[in-house]
Amino acid sequence: MMLLMKERTIDGFGQRLTELRKSRGLTQTELGQRVGVSNRVIAYYEVDDAQPPGALLVDLARELQVTIDELLGMKPPKQRATPKAARLRRRLQRVEKLPTADQKAVLKMIDALCESRGVR
């Protein structure tokens, strides 16, 4: 039975999972925490001959913000932000949770740094 299941895995799933995870700026640990499994489980599924059960596919697709068809490779994934942009977006989302006065302070610091570096 195990051999039959290995034969039915979708080619390239592990590589696709890795690329989607990295494009969202997530580590294996962070993705694992978001879907309720360990980083070792994520690492296991990032190997080409492994594939998660259906219920975990739903959680992975949701956290990676892709469709299950994109996750399984049945449809090409839409263009996503770079990992660097994804990390920056996550940081800015954390700033949004700060009190208004702190948000303004962060924005002033960013504006001052950009102005001092001549970035417009």
PDB file of N, CA and C in Angstrom:
ATOM      1  N   MET A   1       0.833  -1.193   0.000  1.00  0.00           N
ATOM      2  CA  MET A   1       0.000   0.000   0.000  1.00  0.00           C
ATOM      3  C   MET A   1       0.872   1.249   0.000  1.00  0.00           C
ATOM      4  N   MET A   2       1.960   1.263   0.811  1.00  0.00           N
ATOM      5  CA  MET A   2       2.833   2.430   0.871  1.00  0.00           C
ATOM      6  C   MET A   2       3.460   2.699  -0.490  1.00  0.00           C
ATOM      7  N   LEU A   3       3.865   1.680  -1.198  1.00  0.00           N
ATOM      8  CA  LEU A   3       4.446   1.853  -2.517  1.00  0.00           C
ATOM      9  C   LEU A   3       3.429   2.478  -3.464  1.00  0.00           C
ATOM     10  N   LEU A   4       2.187   2.036  -3.397  1.00  0.00           N
ATOM     11  CA  LEU A   4       1.137   2.586  -4.247  1.00  0.00           C
ATOM     12  C   LEU A   4       0.946   4.067  -3.972  1.00  0.00           C
ATOM     13  N   MET A   5       0.975   4.485  -2.703  1.00  0.00           N
ATOM     14  CA  MET A   5       0.810   5.888  -2.360  1.00  0.00           C
ATOM     15  C   MET A   5       1.983   6.719  -2.890  1.00  0.00           C
ATOM     16  N   LYS A   6       3.193   6.202  -2.783  1.00  0.00           N
ATOM     17  CA  LYS A   6       4.359   6.920  -3.291  1.00  0.00           C
ATOM     18  C   LYS A   6       4.247   7.104  -4.798  1.00  0.00           C
ATOM     19  N   GLU A   7       3.708   6.113  -5.495  1.00  0.00           N
ATOM     20  CA  GLU A   7       3.557   6.214  -6.945  1.00  0.00           C
ATOM     21  C   GLU A   7       2.534   7.268  -7.329  1.00  0.00           C
ATOM     22  N   ARG A   8       1.618   7.595  -6.437  1.00  0.00           N
ATOM     23  CA  ARG A   8       0.540   8.519  -6.756  1.00  0.00           C
ATOM     24  C   ARG A   8       0.828   9.950  -6.328  1.00  0.00           C
ATOM     25  N   THR A   9       2.025  10.232  -5.843  1.00  0.00           N
ATOM     26  CA  THR A   9       2.339  11.601  -5.452  1.00  0.00           C
ATOM     27  C   THR A   9       2.521  12.458  -6.696  1.00  0.00           C
ATOM     28  N   ILE A  10       2.295  13.735  -6.547  1.00  0.00           N
ATOM     29  CA  ILE A  10       2.379  14.660  -7.665  1.00  0.00           C
ATOM     30  C   ILE A  10       3.813  15.160  -7.791  1.00  0.00           C
ATOM     31  N   ASP A  11       4.375  15.006  -8.973  1.00  0.00           N
ATOM     32  CA  ASP A  11       5.753  15.418  -9.218  1.00  0.00           C
ATOM     33  C   ASP A  11       5.946  16.898  -8.920  1.00  0.00           C
ATOM     34  N   GLY A  12       7.045  17.196  -8.259  1.00  0.00           N
ATOM     35  CA  GLY A  12       7.416  18.578  -8.008  1.00  0.00           C
ATOM     36  C   GLY A  12       6.703  19.239  -6.850  1.00  0.00           C
ATOM     37  N   PHE A  13       5.889  18.496  -6.115  1.00  0.00           N
ATOM     38  CA  PHE A  13       5.140  19.110  -5.018  1.00  0.00           C
ATOM     39  C   PHE A  13       6.077  19.748  -3.994  1.00  0.00           C
ATOM     40  N   GLY A  14       7.104  19.022  -3.582  1.00  0.00           N
ATOM     41  CA  GLY A  14       8.016  19.524  -2.557  1.00  0.00           C
ATOM     42  C   GLY A  14       8.712  20.805  -2.975  1.00  0.00           C
ATOM     43  N   GLN A  15       9.182  20.828  -4.203  1.00  0.00           N
ATOM     44  CA  GLN A  15       9.856  22.030  -4.704  1.00  0.00           C
ATOM     45  C   GLN A  15       8.878  23.195  -4.778  1.00  0.00           C
ATOM     46  N   ARG A  16       7.663  22.917  -5.217  1.00  0.00           N
ATOM     47  CA  ARG A  16       6.632  23.967  -5.306  1.00  0.00           C
ATOM     48  C   ARG A  16       6.301  24.513  -3.910  1.00  0.00           C
ATOM     49  N   LEU A  17       6.163  23.611  -2.940  1.00  0.00           N
ATOM     50  CA  LEU A  17       5.882  24.036  -1.568  1.00  0.00           C
ATOM     51  C   LEU A  17       7.010  24.919  -1.043  1.00  0.00           C
ATOM     52  N   THR A  18       8.240  24.524  -1.293  1.00  0.00           N
ATOM     53  CA  THR A  18       9.399  25.305  -0.859  1.00  0.00           C
ATOM     54  C   THR A  18       9.376  26.694  -1.484  1.00  0.00           C
ATOM     55  N   GLU A  19       9.157  26.761  -2.788  1.00  0.00           N
ATOM     56  CA  GLU A  19       9.154  28.050  -3.485  1.00  0.00           C
ATOM     57  C   GLU A  19       8.030  28.954  -2.989  1.00  0.00           C
ATOM     58  N   LEU A  20       6.846  28.382  -2.794  1.00  0.00           N
ATOM     59  CA  LEU A  20       5.724  29.190  -2.316  1.00  0.00           C
ATOM     60  C   LEU A  20       5.972  29.687  -0.889  1.00  0.00           C
ATOM     61  N   ARG A  21       6.517  28.827  -0.053  1.00  0.00           N
ATOM     62  CA  ARG A  21       6.825  29.219   1.329  1.00  0.00           C
ATOM     63  C   ARG A  21       7.826  30.366   1.340  1.00  0.00           C
ATOM     64  N   LYS A  22       8.888  30.221   0.564  1.00  0.00           N
ATOM     65  CA  LYS A  22       9.922  31.262   0.529  1.00  0.00           C
ATOM     66  C   LYS A  22       9.388  32.552  -0.090  1.00  0.00           C
ATOM     67  N   SER A  23       8.519  32.439  -1.092  1.00  0.00           N
ATOM     68  CA  SER A  23       7.975  33.648  -1.719  1.00  0.00           C
ATOM     69  C   SER A  23       7.089  34.431  -0.751  1.00  0.00           C
ATOM     70  N   ARG A  24       6.561  33.758   0.263  1.00  0.00           N
ATOM     71  CA  ARG A  24       5.767  34.427   1.298  1.00  0.00           C
ATOM     72  C   ARG A  24       6.671  34.910   2.443  1.00  0.00           C
ATOM     73  N   GLY A  25       7.975  34.637   2.333  1.00  0.00           N
ATOM     74  CA  GLY A  25       8.905  35.093   3.354  1.00  0.00           C
ATOM     75  C   GLY A  25       8.803  34.315   4.649  1.00  0.00           C
ATOM     76  N   LEU A  26       8.391  33.051   4.571  1.00  0.00           N
ATOM     77  CA  LEU A  26       8.205  32.232   5.769  1.00  0.00           C
ATOM     78  C   LEU A  26       9.305  31.194   5.896  1.00  0.00           C
ATOM     79  N   THR A  27       9.682  30.909   7.128  1.00  0.00           N
ATOM     80  CA  THR A  27      10.579  29.791   7.395  1.00  0.00           C
ATOM     81  C   THR A  27       9.721  28.530   7.516  1.00  0.00           C
ATOM     82  N   GLN A  28      10.374  27.377   7.538  1.00  0.00           N
ATOM     83  CA  GLN A  28       9.635  26.130   7.760  1.00  0.00           C
ATOM     84  C   GLN A  28       8.952  26.162   9.119  1.00  0.00           C
ATOM     85  N   THR A  29       9.623  26.711  10.106  1.00  0.00           N
ATOM     86  CA  THR A  29       9.049  26.796  11.452  1.00  0.00           C
ATOM     87  C   THR A  29       7.806  27.672  11.461  1.00  0.00           C
ATOM     88  N   GLU A  30       7.882  28.843  10.811  1.00  0.00           N
ATOM     89  CA  GLU A  30       6.738  29.752  10.790  1.00  0.00           C
ATOM     90  C   GLU A  30       5.546  29.134  10.073  1.00  0.00           C
ATOM     91  N   LEU A  31       5.790  28.501   8.926  1.00  0.00           N
ATOM     92  CA  LEU A  31       4.682  27.870   8.206  1.00  0.00           C
ATOM     93  C   LEU A  31       4.102  26.738   9.040  1.00  0.00           C
ATOM     94  N   GLY A  32       4.962  25.945   9.657  1.00  0.00           N
ATOM     95  CA  GLY A  32       4.492  24.857  10.509  1.00  0.00           C
ATOM     96  C   GLY A  32       3.605  25.361  11.636  1.00  0.00           C
ATOM     97  N   GLN A  33       4.032  26.435  12.296  1.00  0.00           N
ATOM     98  CA  GLN A  33       3.230  26.995  13.384  1.00  0.00           C
ATOM     99  C   GLN A  33       1.866  27.456  12.876  1.00  0.00           C
ATOM    100  N   ARG A  34       1.834  28.050  11.708  1.00  0.00           N
ATOM    101  CA  ARG A  34       0.576  28.567  11.164  1.00  0.00           C
ATOM    102  C   ARG A  34      -0.402  27.465  10.779  1.00  0.00           C
ATOM    103  N   VAL A  35       0.119  26.288  10.404  1.00  0.00           N
ATOM    104  CA  VAL A  35      -0.778  25.195  10.011  1.00  0.00           C
ATOM    105  C   VAL A  35      -0.879  24.111  11.077  1.00  0.00           C
ATOM    106  N   GLY A  36      -0.179  24.301  12.204  1.00  0.00           N
ATOM    107  CA  GLY A  36      -0.311  23.372  13.320  1.00  0.00           C
ATOM    108  C   GLY A  36       0.520  22.113  13.231  1.00  0.00           C
ATOM    109  N   VAL A  37       1.685  22.201  12.577  1.00  0.00           N
ATOM    110  CA  VAL A  37       2.605  21.059  12.526  1.00  0.00           C
ATOM    111  C   VAL A  37       4.015  21.576  12.831  1.00  0.00           C
ATOM    112  N   SER A  38       4.945  20.660  13.029  1.00  0.00           N
ATOM    113  CA  SER A  38       6.323  21.067  13.319  1.00  0.00           C
ATOM    114  C   SER A  38       7.058  21.440  12.037  1.00  0.00           C
ATOM    115  N   ASN A  39       8.193  22.110  12.215  1.00  0.00           N
ATOM    116  CA  ASN A  39       9.014  22.441  11.055  1.00  0.00           C
ATOM    117  C   ASN A  39       9.543  21.173  10.385  1.00  0.00           C
ATOM    118  N   ARG A  40       9.708  20.108  11.142  1.00  0.00           N
ATOM    119  CA  ARG A  40      10.174  18.840  10.560  1.00  0.00           C
ATOM    120  C   ARG A  40       9.142  18.260   9.609  1.00  0.00           C
ATOM    121  N   VAL A  41       7.868  18.452   9.915  1.00  0.00           N
ATOM    122  CA  VAL A  41       6.812  17.976   9.024  1.00  0.00           C
ATOM    123  C   VAL A  41       6.857  18.766   7.716  1.00  0.00           C
ATOM    124  N   ILE A  42       7.036  20.084   7.821  1.00  0.00           N
ATOM    125  CA  ILE A  42       7.134  20.908   6.617  1.00  0.00           C
ATOM    126  C   ILE A  42       8.352  20.475   5.799  1.00  0.00           C
ATOM    127  N   ALA A  43       9.487  20.264   6.460  1.00  0.00           N
ATOM    128  CA  ALA A  43      10.698  19.817   5.760  1.00  0.00           C
ATOM    129  C   ALA A  43      10.447  18.491   5.046  1.00  0.00           C
ATOM    130  N   TYR A  44       9.732  17.591   5.701  1.00  0.00           N
ATOM    131  CA  TYR A  44       9.422  16.293   5.095  1.00  0.00           C
ATOM    132  C   TYR A  44       8.602  16.473   3.816  1.00  0.00           C
ATOM    133  N   TYR A  45       7.597  17.335   3.851  1.00  0.00           N
ATOM    134  CA  TYR A  45       6.754  17.528   2.681  1.00  0.00           C
ATOM    135  C   TYR A  45       7.430  18.336   1.585  1.00  0.00           C
ATOM    136  N   GLU A  46       8.536  18.983   1.913  1.00  0.00           N
ATOM    137  CA  GLU A  46       9.281  19.699   0.887  1.00  0.00           C
ATOM    138  C   GLU A  46      10.200  18.767   0.101  1.00  0.00           C
ATOM    139  N   VAL A  47      10.213  17.488   0.479  1.00  0.00           N
ATOM    140  CA  VAL A  47      10.943  16.478  -0.283  1.00  0.00           C
ATOM    141  C   VAL A  47      10.018  15.997  -1.401  1.00  0.00           C
ATOM    142  N   ASP A  48      10.546  15.820  -2.584  1.00  0.00           N
ATOM    143  CA  ASP A  48       9.708  15.531  -3.748  1.00  0.00           C
ATOM    144  C   ASP A  48       8.849  14.272  -3.657  1.00  0.00           C
ATOM    145  N   ASP A  49       9.242  13.269  -2.893  1.00  0.00           N
ATOM    146  CA  ASP A  49       8.447  12.044  -2.883  1.00  0.00           C
ATOM    147  C   ASP A  49       7.443  12.001  -1.740  1.00  0.00           C
ATOM    148  N   ALA A  50       7.211  13.122  -1.075  1.00  0.00           N
ATOM    149  CA  ALA A  50       6.247  13.178   0.025  1.00  0.00           C
ATOM    150  C   ALA A  50       5.140  14.162  -0.313  1.00  0.00           C
ATOM    151  N   GLN A  51       3.982  13.918   0.235  1.00  0.00           N
ATOM    152  CA  GLN A  51       2.839  14.799  -0.014  1.00  0.00           C
ATOM    153  C   GLN A  51       1.903  14.747   1.188  1.00  0.00           C
ATOM    154  N   PRO A  52       1.415  15.900   1.648  1.00  0.00           N
ATOM    155  CA  PRO A  52       0.556  15.922   2.834  1.00  0.00           C
ATOM    156  C   PRO A  52      -0.856  15.423   2.546  1.00  0.00           C
ATOM    157  N   PRO A  53      -1.576  15.058   3.611  1.00  0.00           N
ATOM    158  CA  PRO A  53      -2.972  14.653   3.444  1.00  0.00           C
ATOM    159  C   PRO A  53      -3.827  15.861   3.044  1.00  0.00           C
ATOM    160  N   GLY A  54      -4.995  15.582   2.516  1.00  0.00           N
ATOM    161  CA  GLY A  54      -5.888  16.620   2.008  1.00  0.00           C
ATOM    162  C   GLY A  54      -6.193  17.733   2.987  1.00  0.00           C
ATOM    163  N   ALA A  55      -6.447  17.398   4.246  1.00  0.00           N
ATOM    164  CA  ALA A  55      -6.782  18.430   5.231  1.00  0.00           C
ATOM    165  C   ALA A  55      -5.631  19.410   5.407  1.00  0.00           C
ATOM    166  N   LEU A  56      -4.403  18.928   5.378  1.00  0.00           N
ATOM    167  CA  LEU A  56      -3.244  19.806   5.524  1.00  0.00           C
ATOM    168  C   LEU A  56      -3.036  20.630   4.255  1.00  0.00           C
ATOM    169  N   LEU A  57      -3.388  20.072   3.102  1.00  0.00           N
ATOM    170  CA  LEU A  57      -3.296  20.842   1.851  1.00  0.00           C
ATOM    171  C   LEU A  57      -4.131  22.112   1.942  1.00  0.00           C
ATOM    172  N   VAL A  58      -5.317  21.997   2.506  1.00  0.00           N
ATOM    173  CA  VAL A  58      -6.211  23.155   2.648  1.00  0.00           C
ATOM    174  C   VAL A  58      -5.542  24.224   3.504  1.00  0.00           C
ATOM    175  N   ASP A  59      -4.978  23.816   4.644  1.00  0.00           N
ATOM    176  CA  ASP A  59      -4.320  24.767   5.541  1.00  0.00           C
ATOM    177  C   ASP A  59      -3.091  25.392   4.891  1.00  0.00           C
ATOM    178  N   LEU A  60      -2.301  24.590   4.183  1.00  0.00           N
ATOM    179  CA  LEU A  60      -1.108  25.104   3.513  1.00  0.00           C
ATOM    180  C   LEU A  60      -1.492  26.127   2.446  1.00  0.00           C
ATOM    181  N   ALA A  61      -2.480  25.793   1.635  1.00  0.00           N
ATOM    182  CA  ALA A  61      -2.914  26.709   0.579  1.00  0.00           C
ATOM    183  C   ALA A  61      -3.399  28.025   1.175  1.00  0.00           C
ATOM    184  N   ARG A  62      -4.156  27.938   2.252  1.00  0.00           N
ATOM    185  CA  ARG A  62      -4.678  29.144   2.902  1.00  0.00           C
ATOM    186  C   ARG A  62      -3.530  30.017   3.419  1.00  0.00           C
ATOM    187  N   GLU A  63      -2.575  29.422   4.112  1.00  0.00           N
ATOM    188  CA  GLU A  63      -1.472  30.189   4.678  1.00  0.00           C
ATOM    189  C   GLU A  63      -0.522  30.731   3.615  1.00  0.00           C
ATOM    190  N   LEU A  64      -0.385  30.007   2.517  1.00  0.00           N
ATOM    191  CA  LEU A  64       0.496  30.460   1.433  1.00  0.00           C
ATOM    192  C   LEU A  64      -0.238  31.380   0.461  1.00  0.00           C
ATOM    193  N   GLN A  65      -1.525  31.551   0.694  1.00  0.00           N
ATOM    194  CA  GLN A  65      -2.381  32.422  -0.117  1.00  0.00           C
ATOM    195  C   GLN A  65      -2.360  32.022  -1.589  1.00  0.00           C
ATOM    196  N   VAL A  66      -2.540  30.720  -1.813  1.00  0.00           N
ATOM    197  CA  VAL A  66      -2.658  30.175  -3.161  1.00  0.00           C
ATOM    198  C   VAL A  66      -3.856  29.234  -3.179  1.00  0.00           C
ATOM    199  N   THR A  67      -4.275  28.867  -4.359  1.00  0.00           N
ATOM    200  CA  THR A  67      -5.328  27.861  -4.463  1.00  0.00           C
ATOM    201  C   THR A  67      -4.695  26.477  -4.316  1.00  0.00           C
ATOM    202  N   ILE A  68      -5.516  25.500  -4.024  1.00  0.00           N
ATOM    203  CA  ILE A  68      -5.005  24.128  -3.946  1.00  0.00           C
ATOM    204  C   ILE A  68      -4.500  23.691  -5.314  1.00  0.00           C
ATOM    205  N   ASP A  69      -5.170  24.120  -6.376  1.00  0.00           N
ATOM    206  CA  ASP A  69      -4.696  23.801  -7.732  1.00  0.00           C
ATOM    207  C   ASP A  69      -3.290  24.349  -7.968  1.00  0.00           C
ATOM    208  N   GLU A  70      -3.025  25.557  -7.466  1.00  0.00           N
ATOM    209  CA  GLU A  70      -1.678  26.127  -7.612  1.00  0.00           C
ATOM    210  C   GLU A  70      -0.674  25.344  -6.761  1.00  0.00           C
ATOM    211  N   LEU A  71      -1.074  24.989  -5.556  1.00  0.00           N
ATOM    212  CA  LEU A  71      -0.192  24.235  -4.669  1.00  0.00           C
ATOM    213  C   LEU A  71       0.159  22.868  -5.254  1.00  0.00           C
ATOM    214  N   LEU A  72      -0.814  22.238  -5.884  1.00  0.00           N
ATOM    215  CA  LEU A  72      -0.590  20.911  -6.469  1.00  0.00           C
ATOM    216  C   LEU A  72       0.049  20.963  -7.854  1.00  0.00           C
ATOM    217  N   GLY A  73       0.168  22.159  -8.424  1.00  0.00           N
ATOM    218  CA  GLY A  73       0.792  22.282  -9.735  1.00  0.00           C
ATOM    219  C   GLY A  73      -0.155  22.078 -10.896  1.00  0.00           C
ATOM    220  N   MET A  74      -1.446  22.061 -10.621  1.00  0.00           N
ATOM    221  CA  MET A  74      -2.428  21.890 -11.690  1.00  0.00           C
ATOM    222  C   MET A  74      -2.635  23.202 -12.447  1.00  0.00           C
ATOM    223  N   LYS A  75      -2.346  24.317 -11.785  1.00  0.00           N
ATOM    224  CA  LYS A  75      -2.389  25.644 -12.387  1.00  0.00           C
ATOM    225  C   LYS A  75      -1.103  26.348 -12.001  1.00  0.00           C
ATOM    226  N   PRO A  76      -0.549  27.158 -12.889  1.00  0.00           N
ATOM    227  CA  PRO A  76       0.657  27.884 -12.497  1.00  0.00           C
ATOM    228  C   PRO A  76       0.318  28.925 -11.431  1.00  0.00           C
ATOM    229  N   PRO A  77       1.211  29.107 -10.453  1.00  0.00           N
ATOM    230  CA  PRO A  77       0.938  30.108  -9.416  1.00  0.00           C
ATOM    231  C   PRO A  77       0.999  31.514 -10.004  1.00  0.00           C
ATOM    232  N   LYS A  78       0.185  32.392  -9.463  1.00  0.00           N
ATOM    233  CA  LYS A  78       0.223  33.788  -9.869  1.00  0.00           C
ATOM    234  C   LYS A  78       1.528  34.390  -9.382  1.00  0.00           C
ATOM    235  N   GLN A  79       1.960  35.438 -10.038  1.00  0.00           N
ATOM    236  CA  GLN A  79       3.190  36.108  -9.619  1.00  0.00           C
ATOM    237  C   GLN A  79       3.030  36.622  -8.197  1.00  0.00           C
ATOM    238  N   ARG A  80       3.969  36.343  -7.370  1.00  0.00           N
ATOM    239  CA  ARG A  80       3.947  36.760  -5.971  1.00  0.00           C
ATOM    240  C   ARG A  80       5.086  37.733  -5.713  1.00  0.00           C
ATOM    241  N   ALA A  81       5.003  38.396  -4.586  1.00  0.00           N
ATOM    242  CA  ALA A  81       6.069  39.303  -4.176  1.00  0.00           C
ATOM    243  C   ALA A  81       7.330  38.496  -3.871  1.00  0.00           C
ATOM    244  N   THR A  82       8.457  39.160  -3.920  1.00  0.00           N
ATOM    245  CA  THR A  82       9.714  38.516  -3.565  1.00  0.00           C
ATOM    246  C   THR A  82       9.720  38.213  -2.069  1.00  0.00           C
ATOM    247  N   PRO A  83      10.568  37.279  -1.633  1.00  0.00           N
ATOM    248  CA  PRO A  83      10.642  36.994  -0.198  1.00  0.00           C
ATOM    249  C   PRO A  83      10.973  38.244   0.624  1.00  0.00           C
ATOM    250  N   LYS A  84      11.846  39.092   0.099  1.00  0.00           N
ATOM    251  CA  LYS A  84      12.217  40.312   0.810  1.00  0.00           C
ATOM    252  C   LYS A  84      10.999  41.215   0.975  1.00  0.00           C
ATOM    253  N   ALA A  85      10.207  41.366  -0.085  1.00  0.00           N
ATOM    254  CA  ALA A  85       9.002  42.196  -0.012  1.00  0.00           C
ATOM    255  C   ALA A  85       7.979  41.584   0.946  1.00  0.00           C
ATOM    256  N   ALA A  86       7.896  40.263   0.962  1.00  0.00           N
ATOM    257  CA  ALA A  86       6.955  39.590   1.863  1.00  0.00           C
ATOM    258  C   ALA A  86       7.338  39.823   3.318  1.00  0.00           C
ATOM    259  N   ARG A  87       8.633  39.766   3.614  1.00  0.00           N
ATOM    260  CA  ARG A  87       9.091  40.023   4.992  1.00  0.00           C
ATOM    261  C   ARG A  87       8.805  41.471   5.386  1.00  0.00           C
ATOM    262  N   LEU A  88       9.040  42.391   4.461  1.00  0.00           N
ATOM    263  CA  LEU A  88       8.762  43.801   4.735  1.00  0.00           C
ATOM    264  C   LEU A  88       7.275  44.014   4.993  1.00  0.00           C
ATOM    265  N   ARG A  89       6.433  43.370   4.184  1.00  0.00           N
ATOM    266  CA  ARG A  89       4.980  43.490   4.361  1.00  0.00           C
ATOM    267  C   ARG A  89       4.565  42.975   5.735  1.00  0.00           C
ATOM    268  N   ARG A  90       5.139  41.856   6.166  1.00  0.00           N
ATOM    269  CA  ARG A  90       4.806  41.299   7.483  1.00  0.00           C
ATOM    270  C   ARG A  90       5.213  42.267   8.597  1.00  0.00           C
ATOM    271  N   ARG A  91       6.358  42.912   8.446  1.00  0.00           N
ATOM    272  CA  ARG A  91       6.791  43.884   9.450  1.00  0.00           C
ATOM    273  C   ARG A  91       5.852  45.075   9.498  1.00  0.00           C
ATOM    274  N   LEU A  92       5.449  45.532   8.330  1.00  0.00           N
ATOM    275  CA  LEU A  92       4.534  46.667   8.296  1.00  0.00           C
ATOM    276  C   LEU A  92       3.178  46.300   8.901  1.00  0.00           C
ATOM    277  N   GLN A  93       2.760  45.064   8.741  1.00  0.00           N
ATOM    278  CA  GLN A  93       1.509  44.626   9.364  1.00  0.00           C
ATOM    279  C   GLN A  93       1.633  44.648  10.882  1.00  0.00           C
ATOM    280  N   ARG A  94       2.812  44.364  11.396  1.00  0.00           N
ATOM    281  CA  ARG A  94       3.029  44.448  12.841  1.00  0.00           C
ATOM    282  C   ARG A  94       2.959  45.895  13.302  1.00  0.00           C
ATOM    283  N   VAL A  95       3.503  46.816  12.489  1.00  0.00           N
ATOM    284  CA  VAL A  95       3.447  48.238  12.830  1.00  0.00           C
ATOM    285  C   VAL A  95       2.003  48.709  12.895  1.00  0.00           C
ATOM    286  N   GLU A  96       1.148  48.176  12.013  1.00  0.00           N
ATOM    287  CA  GLU A  96      -0.274  48.547  12.015  1.00  0.00           C
ATOM    288  C   GLU A  96      -0.959  48.225  13.337  1.00  0.00           C
ATOM    289  N   LYS A  97      -0.429  47.275  14.082  1.00  0.00           N
ATOM    290  CA  LYS A  97      -1.032  46.880  15.351  1.00  0.00           C
ATOM    291  C   LYS A  97      -0.609  47.780  16.506  1.00  0.00           C
ATOM    292  N   LEU A  98       0.367  48.659  16.259  1.00  0.00           N
ATOM    293  CA  LEU A  98       0.836  49.569  17.299  1.00  0.00           C
ATOM    294  C   LEU A  98      -0.159  50.704  17.505  1.00  0.00           C
ATOM    295  N   PRO A  99      -0.090  51.377  18.649  1.00  0.00           N
ATOM    296  CA  PRO A  99      -0.926  52.562  18.849  1.00  0.00           C
ATOM    297  C   PRO A  99      -0.586  53.626  17.800  1.00  0.00           C
ATOM    298  N   THR A 100      -1.540  54.498  17.510  1.00  0.00           N
ATOM    299  CA  THR A 100      -1.386  55.504  16.460  1.00  0.00           C
ATOM    300  C   THR A 100      -0.133  56.352  16.654  1.00  0.00           C
ATOM    301  N   ALA A 101       0.148  56.761  17.869  1.00  0.00           N
ATOM    302  CA  ALA A 101       1.330  57.589  18.131  1.00  0.00           C
ATOM    303  C   ALA A 101       2.614  56.846  17.755  1.00  0.00           C
ATOM    304  N   ASP A 102       2.680  55.554  18.065  1.00  0.00           N
ATOM    305  CA  ASP A 102       3.862  54.753  17.715  1.00  0.00           C
ATOM    306  C   ASP A 102       3.968  54.574  16.203  1.00  0.00           C
ATOM    307  N   GLN A 103       2.836  54.383  15.527  1.00  0.00           N
ATOM    308  CA  GLN A 103       2.850  54.274  14.070  1.00  0.00           C
ATOM    309  C   GLN A 103       3.433  55.541  13.453  1.00  0.00           C
ATOM    310  N   LYS A 104       3.003  56.702  13.950  1.00  0.00           N
ATOM    311  CA  LYS A 104       3.508  57.972  13.430  1.00  0.00           C
ATOM    312  C   LYS A 104       5.006  58.096  13.669  1.00  0.00           C
ATOM    313  N   ALA A 105       5.476  57.644  14.816  1.00  0.00           N
ATOM    314  CA  ALA A 105       6.913  57.706  15.127  1.00  0.00           C
ATOM    315  C   ALA A 105       7.708  56.837  14.160  1.00  0.00           C
ATOM    316  N   VAL A 106       7.212  55.645  13.874  1.00  0.00           N
ATOM    317  CA  VAL A 106       7.890  54.743  12.939  1.00  0.00           C
ATOM    318  C   VAL A 106       7.947  55.390  11.553  1.00  0.00           C
ATOM    319  N   LEU A 107       6.824  55.955  11.104  1.00  0.00           N
ATOM    320  CA  LEU A 107       6.785  56.594   9.789  1.00  0.00           C
ATOM    321  C   LEU A 107       7.723  57.796   9.716  1.00  0.00           C
ATOM    322  N   LYS A 108       7.827  58.571  10.794  1.00  0.00           N
ATOM    323  CA  LYS A 108       8.755  59.704  10.821  1.00  0.00           C
ATOM    324  C   LYS A 108      10.193  59.217  10.689  1.00  0.00           C
ATOM    325  N   MET A 109      10.522  58.118  11.380  1.00  0.00           N
ATOM    326  CA  MET A 109      11.874  57.571  11.294  1.00  0.00           C
ATOM    327  C   MET A 109      12.169  57.094   9.871  1.00  0.00           C
ATOM    328  N   ILE A 110      11.212  56.440   9.249  1.00  0.00           N
ATOM    329  CA  ILE A 110      11.397  55.971   7.878  1.00  0.00           C
ATOM    330  C   ILE A 110      11.588  57.162   6.940  1.00  0.00           C
ATOM    331  N   ASP A 111      10.720  58.169   7.074  1.00  0.00           N
ATOM    332  CA  ASP A 111      10.827  59.363   6.232  1.00  0.00           C
ATOM    333  C   ASP A 111      12.170  60.053   6.415  1.00  0.00           C
ATOM    334  N   ALA A 112      12.623  60.186   7.661  1.00  0.00           N
ATOM    335  CA  ALA A 112      13.905  60.843   7.938  1.00  0.00           C
ATOM    336  C   ALA A 112      15.064  60.060   7.339  1.00  0.00           C
ATOM    337  N   LEU A 113      15.039  58.746   7.471  1.00  0.00           N
ATOM    338  CA  LEU A 113      16.104  57.923   6.908  1.00  0.00           C
ATOM    339  C   LEU A 113      16.131  58.040   5.391  1.00  0.00           C
ATOM    340  N   CYS A 114      14.962  57.948   4.770  1.00  0.00           N
ATOM    341  CA  CYS A 114      14.889  58.059   3.306  1.00  0.00           C
ATOM    342  C   CYS A 114      15.392  59.426   2.839  1.00  0.00           C
ATOM    343  N   GLU A 115      14.990  60.478   3.553  1.00  0.00           N
ATOM    344  CA  GLU A 115      15.430  61.842   3.185  1.00  0.00           C
ATOM    345  C   GLU A 115      16.940  61.975   3.331  1.00  0.00           C
ATOM    346  N   SER A 116      17.503  61.409   4.397  1.00  0.00           N
ATOM    347  CA  SER A 116      18.961  61.527   4.603  1.00  0.00           C
ATOM    348  C   SER A 116      19.745  60.747   3.554  1.00  0.00           C
ATOM    349  N   ARG A 117      19.138  59.734   2.976  1.00  0.00           N
ATOM    350  CA  ARG A 117      19.793  58.915   1.941  1.00  0.00           C
ATOM    351  C   ARG A 117      19.435  59.364   0.530  1.00  0.00           C
ATOM    352  N   GLY A 118      18.592  60.388   0.426  1.00  0.00           N
ATOM    353  CA  GLY A 118      18.207  60.896  -0.884  1.00  0.00           C
ATOM    354  C   GLY A 118      17.259  59.973  -1.631  1.00  0.00           C
ATOM    355  N   VAL A 119      16.514  59.166  -0.891  1.00  0.00           N
ATOM    356  CA  VAL A 119      15.547  58.239  -1.508  1.00  0.00           C
ATOM    357  C   VAL A 119      14.196  58.915  -1.535  1.00  0.00           C
ATOM    358  N   ARG A 120      13.602  58.934  -2.712  1.00  0.00           N
ATOM    359  CA  ARG A 120      12.284  59.565  -2.856  1.00  0.00           C
ATOM    360  C   ARG A 120      11.236  58.546  -3.166  1.00  0.00           C
TER     361      ARG A 120
END
